[in-house]
Amino acid sequence: MAKLVFGMNQSLDGYVDHMAFAPSLTLFRYFIEEAKGQSGSVYGREMYEVMRYWDDDHPEWTADEKAFAAAWQSQSKWVVSRSLKSVGPNAMLVEGDLEVAIRKLKAERDGEIEVAGPTLAQSLTELGLIDEYRIYLHPVVLGHGKPYFAGPRSPLRLVANHRIAEDVIKLTYVPA
């Protein structure tokens, strides 16, 4: 049975914003290895549209960017959206009852399936489907934006912490 993991870069004041700060080279390489090891990813529409950037090859990419794109392109993707009618390569739309679809996905797969996007993560949290939360904490204060937790949730228990780059700590939580 697969484990559903929600992980994102987060500011000290609790916000996620891929345009406000980016991972260091060390953290980016860490994300490449994570992507290579994942069984797939579940996306909400907004985050999927952001990540579609990696579907196309860009001649100006560095070796690391090419490695991340290769890992992302080869990965299975499930997209939760009521407005999209089609999705790109290696992706399928999640239709019908979200809980039924994700429970089925978890039962049919092994390994880790990434959840991408705080709004989708909140919906899956409310259904009791997220098994682990990973916060990549950056020393940045944004003061606004989309919060990592899009709504209230049950208490969490810290199970691990790991310094990845000179200024980023990975905090791993599970439902308490």
N, C-alpha and C. Protein backbone atom coordinates (compact mmCIF):
# COMPACT_ATOMS: atom_id res chain seq x y z
N MET A 1 0.85 -1.18 0.00
CA MET A 1 0.00 0.00 0.00
C MET A 1 0.90 1.25 0.00
N ALA A 2 0.55 2.19 -0.82
CA ALA A 2 1.33 3.43 -0.93
C ALA A 2 1.08 4.36 0.24
N LYS A 3 2.06 5.21 0.48
CA LYS A 3 1.97 6.24 1.51
C LYS A 3 1.81 7.58 0.80
N LEU A 4 0.82 8.37 1.22
CA LEU A 4 0.58 9.69 0.65
C LEU A 4 1.34 10.73 1.46
N VAL A 5 2.22 11.49 0.79
CA VAL A 5 3.11 12.44 1.45
C VAL A 5 2.90 13.84 0.87
N PHE A 6 2.61 14.80 1.75
CA PHE A 6 2.50 16.20 1.33
C PHE A 6 3.75 16.93 1.80
N GLY A 7 4.54 17.43 0.85
CA GLY A 7 5.75 18.15 1.20
C GLY A 7 5.94 19.36 0.31
N MET A 8 6.31 20.48 0.94
CA MET A 8 6.55 21.70 0.17
C MET A 8 7.56 22.58 0.90
N ASN A 9 8.18 23.47 0.14
CA ASN A 9 9.00 24.53 0.73
C ASN A 9 8.09 25.48 1.48
N GLN A 10 8.52 25.91 2.66
CA GLN A 10 7.70 26.80 3.47
C GLN A 10 8.56 27.90 4.08
N SER A 11 7.98 29.09 4.16
CA SER A 11 8.64 30.20 4.84
C SER A 11 8.50 30.03 6.35
N LEU A 12 9.28 30.79 7.10
CA LEU A 12 9.18 30.73 8.57
C LEU A 12 7.79 31.08 9.07
N ASP A 13 7.09 31.95 8.33
CA ASP A 13 5.75 32.35 8.77
C ASP A 13 4.64 31.50 8.14
N GLY A 14 4.99 30.35 7.57
CA GLY A 14 4.00 29.36 7.19
C GLY A 14 3.46 29.40 5.78
N TYR A 15 4.10 30.16 4.88
CA TYR A 15 3.57 30.28 3.53
C TYR A 15 4.40 29.50 2.50
N VAL A 16 3.72 29.09 1.42
CA VAL A 16 4.37 28.44 0.29
C VAL A 16 4.20 29.36 -0.92
N ASP A 17 5.29 29.59 -1.62
CA ASP A 17 5.24 30.45 -2.80
C ASP A 17 6.48 30.19 -3.64
N HIS A 18 6.32 29.40 -4.70
CA HIS A 18 7.46 29.04 -5.53
C HIS A 18 8.10 30.24 -6.23
N MET A 19 7.40 31.36 -6.28
CA MET A 19 7.96 32.56 -6.92
C MET A 19 8.74 33.43 -5.93
N ALA A 20 8.50 33.27 -4.64
CA ALA A 20 9.14 34.13 -3.63
C ALA A 20 10.52 33.62 -3.21
N PHE A 21 10.71 32.32 -3.24
CA PHE A 21 12.02 31.77 -2.91
C PHE A 21 12.16 30.41 -3.57
N ALA A 22 13.39 30.06 -3.89
CA ALA A 22 13.65 28.82 -4.61
C ALA A 22 14.62 27.96 -3.81
N PRO A 23 14.63 26.67 -4.07
CA PRO A 23 15.58 25.80 -3.37
C PRO A 23 17.01 26.07 -3.81
N SER A 24 17.94 25.89 -2.88
CA SER A 24 19.36 25.98 -3.22
C SER A 24 19.71 24.79 -4.11
N LEU A 25 20.91 24.80 -4.66
CA LEU A 25 21.35 23.69 -5.51
C LEU A 25 21.36 22.38 -4.72
N THR A 26 21.80 22.43 -3.47
CA THR A 26 21.81 21.23 -2.62
C THR A 26 20.40 20.69 -2.44
N LEU A 27 19.45 21.56 -2.13
CA LEU A 27 18.07 21.13 -1.92
C LEU A 27 17.45 20.66 -3.24
N PHE A 28 17.75 21.33 -4.33
CA PHE A 28 17.22 20.92 -5.63
C PHE A 28 17.69 19.50 -5.96
N ARG A 29 18.96 19.21 -5.69
CA ARG A 29 19.48 17.86 -5.94
C ARG A 29 18.79 16.84 -5.03
N TYR A 30 18.47 17.24 -3.82
CA TYR A 30 17.73 16.38 -2.90
C TYR A 30 16.35 16.07 -3.50
N PHE A 31 15.69 17.09 -4.05
CA PHE A 31 14.37 16.90 -4.67
C PHE A 31 14.45 16.00 -5.90
N ILE A 32 15.55 16.06 -6.64
CA ILE A 32 15.72 15.17 -7.80
C ILE A 32 15.70 13.72 -7.32
N GLU A 33 16.45 13.41 -6.28
CA GLU A 33 16.50 12.05 -5.76
C GLU A 33 15.14 11.62 -5.21
N GLU A 34 14.44 12.55 -4.54
CA GLU A 34 13.09 12.22 -4.06
C GLU A 34 12.17 11.88 -5.22
N ALA A 35 12.20 12.71 -6.26
CA ALA A 35 11.32 12.49 -7.42
C ALA A 35 11.63 11.14 -8.08
N LYS A 36 12.89 10.78 -8.15
CA LYS A 36 13.27 9.49 -8.75
C LYS A 36 12.69 8.32 -7.97
N GLY A 37 12.56 8.48 -6.66
CA GLY A 37 12.10 7.39 -5.82
C GLY A 37 10.60 7.32 -5.60
N GLN A 38 9.87 8.32 -6.04
CA GLN A 38 8.43 8.34 -5.80
C GLN A 38 7.67 7.44 -6.78
N SER A 39 6.56 6.91 -6.31
CA SER A 39 5.69 6.10 -7.17
C SER A 39 4.83 6.96 -8.07
N GLY A 40 4.72 8.24 -7.74
CA GLY A 40 3.92 9.16 -8.53
C GLY A 40 3.56 10.38 -7.73
N SER A 41 2.74 11.23 -8.33
CA SER A 41 2.31 12.47 -7.70
C SER A 41 0.84 12.73 -7.98
N VAL A 42 0.18 13.29 -6.98
CA VAL A 42 -1.21 13.74 -7.13
C VAL A 42 -1.20 15.25 -7.07
N TYR A 43 -1.78 15.88 -8.09
CA TYR A 43 -1.77 17.33 -8.22
C TYR A 43 -3.18 17.89 -8.24
N GLY A 44 -3.32 19.08 -7.68
CA GLY A 44 -4.48 19.90 -7.95
C GLY A 44 -4.20 20.63 -9.26
N ARG A 45 -5.21 21.25 -9.84
CA ARG A 45 -5.04 21.90 -11.14
C ARG A 45 -3.96 22.96 -11.14
N GLU A 46 -3.97 23.87 -10.16
CA GLU A 46 -3.00 24.97 -10.15
C GLU A 46 -1.56 24.47 -10.11
N MET A 47 -1.27 23.56 -9.20
CA MET A 47 0.10 23.07 -9.06
C MET A 47 0.51 22.25 -10.28
N TYR A 48 -0.44 21.51 -10.85
CA TYR A 48 -0.14 20.75 -12.05
C TYR A 48 0.24 21.69 -13.20
N GLU A 49 -0.49 22.77 -13.35
CA GLU A 49 -0.17 23.71 -14.42
C GLU A 49 1.19 24.36 -14.22
N VAL A 50 1.58 24.61 -12.98
CA VAL A 50 2.93 25.13 -12.70
C VAL A 50 3.98 24.09 -13.09
N MET A 51 3.75 22.84 -12.71
CA MET A 51 4.73 21.79 -12.94
C MET A 51 4.81 21.33 -14.40
N ARG A 52 3.82 21.65 -15.20
CA ARG A 52 3.86 21.28 -16.62
C ARG A 52 5.08 21.88 -17.33
N TYR A 53 5.69 22.87 -16.73
CA TYR A 53 6.93 23.45 -17.24
C TYR A 53 7.96 22.34 -17.52
N TRP A 54 7.97 21.31 -16.68
CA TRP A 54 8.97 20.25 -16.78
C TRP A 54 8.64 19.23 -17.87
N ASP A 55 7.49 19.36 -18.53
CA ASP A 55 7.14 18.46 -19.63
C ASP A 55 7.97 18.72 -20.88
N ASP A 56 8.40 19.95 -21.06
CA ASP A 56 9.13 20.33 -22.27
C ASP A 56 10.61 20.47 -21.95
N ASP A 57 11.44 20.03 -22.87
CA ASP A 57 12.88 20.20 -22.70
C ASP A 57 13.28 21.61 -23.11
N HIS A 58 14.17 22.20 -22.34
CA HIS A 58 14.65 23.55 -22.60
C HIS A 58 16.17 23.48 -22.80
N PRO A 59 16.67 23.97 -23.92
CA PRO A 59 18.11 23.85 -24.21
C PRO A 59 19.00 24.55 -23.18
N GLU A 60 18.47 25.55 -22.48
CA GLU A 60 19.27 26.28 -21.51
C GLU A 60 19.35 25.61 -20.14
N TRP A 61 18.68 24.50 -19.96
CA TRP A 61 18.69 23.81 -18.67
C TRP A 61 20.08 23.29 -18.31
N THR A 62 20.35 23.31 -17.02
CA THR A 62 21.57 22.71 -16.49
C THR A 62 21.38 21.20 -16.42
N ALA A 63 22.43 20.49 -16.11
CA ALA A 63 22.35 19.03 -15.98
C ALA A 63 21.35 18.65 -14.87
N ASP A 64 21.34 19.41 -13.77
CA ASP A 64 20.41 19.13 -12.68
C ASP A 64 18.96 19.36 -13.11
N GLU A 65 18.71 20.41 -13.84
CA GLU A 65 17.35 20.67 -14.32
C GLU A 65 16.90 19.57 -15.28
N LYS A 66 17.81 19.11 -16.12
CA LYS A 66 17.48 18.01 -17.03
C LYS A 66 17.19 16.73 -16.23
N ALA A 67 17.94 16.49 -15.17
CA ALA A 67 17.72 15.30 -14.34
C ALA A 67 16.37 15.37 -13.64
N PHE A 68 16.01 16.55 -13.13
CA PHE A 68 14.69 16.68 -12.48
C PHE A 68 13.58 16.48 -13.51
N ALA A 69 13.73 17.10 -14.68
CA ALA A 69 12.71 16.95 -15.72
C ALA A 69 12.54 15.49 -16.11
N ALA A 70 13.64 14.76 -16.24
CA ALA A 70 13.55 13.33 -16.61
C ALA A 70 12.80 12.55 -15.54
N ALA A 71 13.10 12.82 -14.27
CA ALA A 71 12.41 12.12 -13.18
C ALA A 71 10.92 12.47 -13.18
N TRP A 72 10.60 13.75 -13.38
CA TRP A 72 9.22 14.19 -13.37
C TRP A 72 8.44 13.62 -14.56
N GLN A 73 9.08 13.65 -15.73
CA GLN A 73 8.40 13.17 -16.94
C GLN A 73 8.09 11.68 -16.86
N SER A 74 8.95 10.92 -16.23
CA SER A 74 8.74 9.46 -16.17
C SER A 74 7.75 9.04 -15.09
N GLN A 75 7.43 9.94 -14.21
CA GLN A 75 6.57 9.65 -13.06
C GLN A 75 5.09 9.63 -13.45
N SER A 76 4.33 8.73 -12.84
CA SER A 76 2.88 8.75 -13.01
C SER A 76 2.31 9.95 -12.27
N LYS A 77 1.31 10.58 -12.88
CA LYS A 77 0.69 11.75 -12.28
C LYS A 77 -0.83 11.62 -12.34
N TRP A 78 -1.47 12.02 -11.24
CA TRP A 78 -2.93 12.05 -11.18
C TRP A 78 -3.33 13.47 -10.87
N VAL A 79 -4.24 14.01 -11.66
CA VAL A 79 -4.61 15.42 -11.54
C VAL A 79 -6.07 15.54 -11.13
N VAL A 80 -6.28 16.22 -10.01
CA VAL A 80 -7.63 16.44 -9.48
C VAL A 80 -8.09 17.80 -9.98
N SER A 81 -9.09 17.80 -10.86
CA SER A 81 -9.57 19.05 -11.44
C SER A 81 -10.97 18.85 -12.01
N ARG A 82 -11.82 19.84 -11.79
CA ARG A 82 -13.13 19.83 -12.42
C ARG A 82 -13.12 20.63 -13.72
N SER A 83 -12.10 21.46 -13.91
CA SER A 83 -12.09 22.33 -15.09
C SER A 83 -11.23 21.80 -16.24
N LEU A 84 -10.18 21.05 -15.95
CA LEU A 84 -9.35 20.51 -17.02
C LEU A 84 -10.09 19.38 -17.73
N LYS A 85 -9.95 19.35 -19.04
CA LYS A 85 -10.57 18.28 -19.83
C LYS A 85 -9.53 17.26 -20.29
N SER A 86 -8.26 17.67 -20.29
CA SER A 86 -7.18 16.76 -20.68
C SER A 86 -5.92 17.15 -19.91
N VAL A 87 -4.99 16.20 -19.83
CA VAL A 87 -3.71 16.43 -19.15
C VAL A 87 -2.60 15.90 -20.03
N GLY A 88 -1.38 16.21 -19.66
CA GLY A 88 -0.22 15.87 -20.47
C GLY A 88 0.24 14.43 -20.33
N PRO A 89 1.45 14.17 -20.82
CA PRO A 89 2.01 12.82 -20.81
C PRO A 89 2.10 12.23 -19.41
N ASN A 90 1.86 10.94 -19.32
CA ASN A 90 2.01 10.20 -18.07
C ASN A 90 1.08 10.71 -16.96
N ALA A 91 -0.01 11.37 -17.34
CA ALA A 91 -0.94 11.93 -16.36
C ALA A 91 -2.36 11.50 -16.69
N MET A 92 -3.17 11.40 -15.65
CA MET A 92 -4.59 11.10 -15.85
C MET A 92 -5.42 11.94 -14.91
N LEU A 93 -6.61 12.28 -15.36
CA LEU A 93 -7.54 13.05 -14.54
C LEU A 93 -8.19 12.14 -13.50
N VAL A 94 -8.32 12.66 -12.28
CA VAL A 94 -9.05 11.95 -11.23
C VAL A 94 -10.49 12.44 -11.33
N GLU A 95 -11.38 11.52 -11.64
CA GLU A 95 -12.78 11.88 -11.82
C GLU A 95 -13.63 11.16 -10.78
N GLY A 96 -14.77 11.72 -10.49
CA GLY A 96 -15.67 11.09 -9.54
C GLY A 96 -15.31 11.43 -8.10
N ASP A 97 -15.62 10.54 -7.22
CA ASP A 97 -15.43 10.74 -5.78
C ASP A 97 -13.93 10.73 -5.44
N LEU A 98 -13.44 11.85 -4.90
CA LEU A 98 -12.02 12.01 -4.59
C LEU A 98 -11.55 10.94 -3.60
N GLU A 99 -12.31 10.73 -2.53
CA GLU A 99 -11.89 9.78 -1.51
C GLU A 99 -11.78 8.37 -2.09
N VAL A 100 -12.76 7.95 -2.84
CA VAL A 100 -12.74 6.61 -3.44
C VAL A 100 -11.54 6.47 -4.38
N ALA A 101 -11.32 7.49 -5.21
CA ALA A 101 -10.22 7.43 -6.18
C ALA A 101 -8.85 7.36 -5.50
N ILE A 102 -8.64 8.16 -4.47
CA ILE A 102 -7.33 8.18 -3.81
C ILE A 102 -7.13 6.93 -2.95
N ARG A 103 -8.16 6.46 -2.30
CA ARG A 103 -8.03 5.20 -1.54
C ARG A 103 -7.67 4.05 -2.49
N LYS A 104 -8.28 4.02 -3.66
CA LYS A 104 -7.99 2.99 -4.66
C LYS A 104 -6.54 3.12 -5.13
N LEU A 105 -6.11 4.34 -5.40
CA LEU A 105 -4.74 4.59 -5.83
C LEU A 105 -3.74 4.11 -4.79
N LYS A 106 -3.97 4.44 -3.52
CA LYS A 106 -3.08 4.01 -2.44
C LYS A 106 -3.04 2.48 -2.34
N ALA A 107 -4.18 1.83 -2.53
CA ALA A 107 -4.26 0.38 -2.41
C ALA A 107 -3.55 -0.33 -3.57
N GLU A 108 -3.55 0.29 -4.74
CA GLU A 108 -2.98 -0.35 -5.93
C GLU A 108 -1.48 -0.12 -6.08
N ARG A 109 -0.93 0.83 -5.37
CA ARG A 109 0.47 1.21 -5.52
C ARG A 109 1.27 0.88 -4.27
N ASP A 110 2.59 0.89 -4.42
CA ASP A 110 3.52 0.78 -3.31
C ASP A 110 4.39 2.03 -3.31
N GLY A 111 5.11 2.26 -2.23
CA GLY A 111 6.03 3.39 -2.15
C GLY A 111 5.34 4.67 -1.75
N GLU A 112 5.97 5.78 -2.12
CA GLU A 112 5.45 7.10 -1.76
C GLU A 112 4.80 7.78 -2.96
N ILE A 113 3.66 8.37 -2.70
CA ILE A 113 2.99 9.20 -3.70
C ILE A 113 2.94 10.61 -3.13
N GLU A 114 3.52 11.53 -3.86
CA GLU A 114 3.57 12.93 -3.43
C GLU A 114 2.22 13.59 -3.66
N VAL A 115 1.83 14.44 -2.72
CA VAL A 115 0.67 15.31 -2.88
C VAL A 115 1.22 16.71 -3.10
N ALA A 116 0.81 17.37 -4.17
CA ALA A 116 1.35 18.68 -4.49
C ALA A 116 0.25 19.74 -4.44
N GLY A 117 0.44 20.70 -3.55
CA GLY A 117 -0.47 21.83 -3.43
C GLY A 117 -1.25 21.83 -2.14
N PRO A 118 -1.25 22.96 -1.42
CA PRO A 118 -1.92 23.02 -0.12
C PRO A 118 -3.43 22.87 -0.16
N THR A 119 -4.09 23.31 -1.20
CA THR A 119 -5.54 23.20 -1.26
C THR A 119 -5.95 21.73 -1.41
N LEU A 120 -5.31 21.02 -2.32
CA LEU A 120 -5.57 19.59 -2.48
C LEU A 120 -5.20 18.86 -1.20
N ALA A 121 -4.05 19.21 -0.60
CA ALA A 121 -3.63 18.55 0.64
C ALA A 121 -4.66 18.73 1.74
N GLN A 122 -5.28 19.90 1.82
CA GLN A 122 -6.30 20.12 2.84
C GLN A 122 -7.50 19.20 2.61
N SER A 123 -7.93 19.07 1.37
CA SER A 123 -9.05 18.17 1.07
C SER A 123 -8.70 16.74 1.45
N LEU A 124 -7.48 16.30 1.14
CA LEU A 124 -7.06 14.94 1.48
C LEU A 124 -6.86 14.77 2.98
N THR A 125 -6.43 15.84 3.66
CA THR A 125 -6.30 15.81 5.12
C THR A 125 -7.66 15.61 5.76
N GLU A 126 -8.65 16.35 5.29
CA GLU A 126 -10.01 16.24 5.83
C GLU A 126 -10.57 14.83 5.66
N LEU A 127 -10.11 14.13 4.61
CA LEU A 127 -10.56 12.75 4.36
C LEU A 127 -9.70 11.73 5.11
N GLY A 128 -8.67 12.21 5.82
CA GLY A 128 -7.80 11.31 6.58
C GLY A 128 -6.87 10.48 5.71
N LEU A 129 -6.49 11.02 4.54
CA LEU A 129 -5.70 10.25 3.58
C LEU A 129 -4.21 10.57 3.56
N ILE A 130 -3.79 11.69 4.15
CA ILE A 130 -2.37 12.05 4.15
C ILE A 130 -1.67 11.29 5.27
N ASP A 131 -0.61 10.58 4.91
CA ASP A 131 0.13 9.78 5.88
C ASP A 131 1.31 10.52 6.48
N GLU A 132 1.83 11.51 5.75
CA GLU A 132 3.03 12.21 6.23
C GLU A 132 3.08 13.61 5.64
N TYR A 133 3.58 14.54 6.45
CA TYR A 133 3.75 15.93 6.05
C TYR A 133 5.23 16.27 6.13
N ARG A 134 5.77 16.85 5.06
CA ARG A 134 7.17 17.25 5.04
C ARG A 134 7.25 18.75 4.79
N ILE A 135 7.80 19.43 5.74
CA ILE A 135 7.98 20.87 5.62
C ILE A 135 9.47 21.12 5.39
N TYR A 136 9.78 21.77 4.29
CA TYR A 136 11.15 22.18 4.00
C TYR A 136 11.23 23.65 4.40
N LEU A 137 11.67 23.89 5.62
CA LEU A 137 11.60 25.21 6.24
C LEU A 137 12.78 26.08 5.83
N HIS A 138 12.44 27.22 5.22
CA HIS A 138 13.44 28.19 4.73
C HIS A 138 13.45 29.43 5.64
N PRO A 139 14.60 30.06 5.83
CA PRO A 139 14.69 31.26 6.67
C PRO A 139 14.23 32.51 5.92
N VAL A 140 12.97 32.49 5.50
CA VAL A 140 12.37 33.58 4.73
C VAL A 140 11.05 33.93 5.41
N VAL A 141 10.74 35.23 5.50
CA VAL A 141 9.45 35.67 6.02
C VAL A 141 8.74 36.39 4.88
N LEU A 142 7.55 35.89 4.52
CA LEU A 142 6.82 36.46 3.39
C LEU A 142 5.73 37.44 3.83
N GLY A 143 5.07 37.14 4.94
CA GLY A 143 4.01 38.03 5.42
C GLY A 143 2.68 37.90 4.71
N HIS A 144 2.62 37.06 3.68
CA HIS A 144 1.38 36.85 2.93
C HIS A 144 1.57 35.67 2.00
N GLY A 145 0.48 35.26 1.39
CA GLY A 145 0.56 34.18 0.41
C GLY A 145 -0.36 33.04 0.77
N LYS A 146 -0.09 31.90 0.19
CA LYS A 146 -0.89 30.70 0.43
C LYS A 146 -0.25 29.92 1.56
N PRO A 147 -1.00 29.64 2.63
CA PRO A 147 -0.41 28.91 3.75
C PRO A 147 -0.18 27.43 3.41
N TYR A 148 0.83 26.85 4.02
CA TYR A 148 1.11 25.42 3.86
C TYR A 148 -0.11 24.61 4.26
N PHE A 149 -0.69 24.93 5.41
CA PHE A 149 -1.93 24.30 5.85
C PHE A 149 -3.08 25.21 5.46
N ALA A 150 -3.90 24.75 4.51
CA ALA A 150 -5.00 25.57 3.99
C ALA A 150 -6.20 25.61 4.92
N GLY A 151 -6.13 24.93 6.04
CA GLY A 151 -7.22 24.91 7.00
C GLY A 151 -6.81 24.16 8.25
N PRO A 152 -7.69 24.09 9.23
CA PRO A 152 -7.34 23.40 10.46
C PRO A 152 -7.15 21.91 10.23
N ARG A 153 -6.38 21.32 11.10
CA ARG A 153 -6.16 19.88 11.00
C ARG A 153 -5.92 19.31 12.40
N SER A 154 -6.00 18.01 12.51
CA SER A 154 -5.74 17.33 13.77
C SER A 154 -4.28 17.51 14.16
N PRO A 155 -3.96 17.29 15.43
CA PRO A 155 -2.57 17.43 15.86
C PRO A 155 -1.62 16.51 15.09
N LEU A 156 -0.38 16.95 14.98
CA LEU A 156 0.66 16.18 14.31
C LEU A 156 1.74 15.80 15.32
N ARG A 157 2.51 14.78 14.96
CA ARG A 157 3.63 14.34 15.79
C ARG A 157 4.89 14.40 14.95
N LEU A 158 5.91 15.10 15.45
CA LEU A 158 7.20 15.19 14.76
C LEU A 158 7.90 13.84 14.85
N VAL A 159 8.27 13.28 13.69
CA VAL A 159 8.96 12.00 13.69
C VAL A 159 10.40 12.09 13.20
N ALA A 160 10.75 13.20 12.55
CA ALA A 160 12.13 13.36 12.08
C ALA A 160 12.41 14.82 11.74
N ASN A 161 13.67 15.18 11.86
CA ASN A 161 14.14 16.47 11.37
C ASN A 161 15.52 16.24 10.78
N HIS A 162 15.78 16.99 9.71
CA HIS A 162 17.03 16.76 8.98
C HIS A 162 17.46 18.07 8.32
N ARG A 163 18.68 18.48 8.59
CA ARG A 163 19.22 19.67 7.91
C ARG A 163 19.70 19.24 6.53
N ILE A 164 19.15 19.88 5.50
CA ILE A 164 19.48 19.49 4.14
C ILE A 164 20.52 20.41 3.53
N ALA A 165 20.28 21.67 3.59
CA ALA A 165 21.23 22.64 3.07
C ALA A 165 21.66 23.51 4.25
N GLU A 166 22.53 24.44 4.01
CA GLU A 166 23.01 25.24 5.14
C GLU A 166 21.91 26.06 5.80
N ASP A 167 20.79 26.26 5.10
CA ASP A 167 19.72 27.07 5.69
C ASP A 167 18.33 26.45 5.62
N VAL A 168 18.23 25.14 5.30
CA VAL A 168 16.92 24.49 5.18
C VAL A 168 16.87 23.27 6.09
N ILE A 169 15.76 23.17 6.82
CA ILE A 169 15.52 22.01 7.68
C ILE A 169 14.27 21.31 7.18
N LYS A 170 14.37 19.99 7.03
CA LYS A 170 13.22 19.17 6.66
C LYS A 170 12.60 18.66 7.96
N LEU A 171 11.33 19.00 8.16
CA LEU A 171 10.58 18.53 9.32
C LEU A 171 9.56 17.52 8.84
N THR A 172 9.52 16.34 9.43
CA THR A 172 8.61 15.30 9.01
C THR A 172 7.62 15.02 10.14
N TYR A 173 6.33 15.13 9.81
CA TYR A 173 5.25 14.93 10.78
C TYR A 173 4.30 13.85 10.28
N VAL A 174 3.67 13.17 11.22
CA VAL A 174 2.59 12.24 10.92
C VAL A 174 1.39 12.62 11.78
N PRO A 175 0.19 12.23 11.36
CA PRO A 175 -0.97 12.50 12.22
C PRO A 175 -0.76 11.86 13.61
N ALA A 176 -1.11 12.61 14.64
CA ALA A 176 -0.90 12.11 16.02
C ALA A 176 -1.98 11.12 16.40
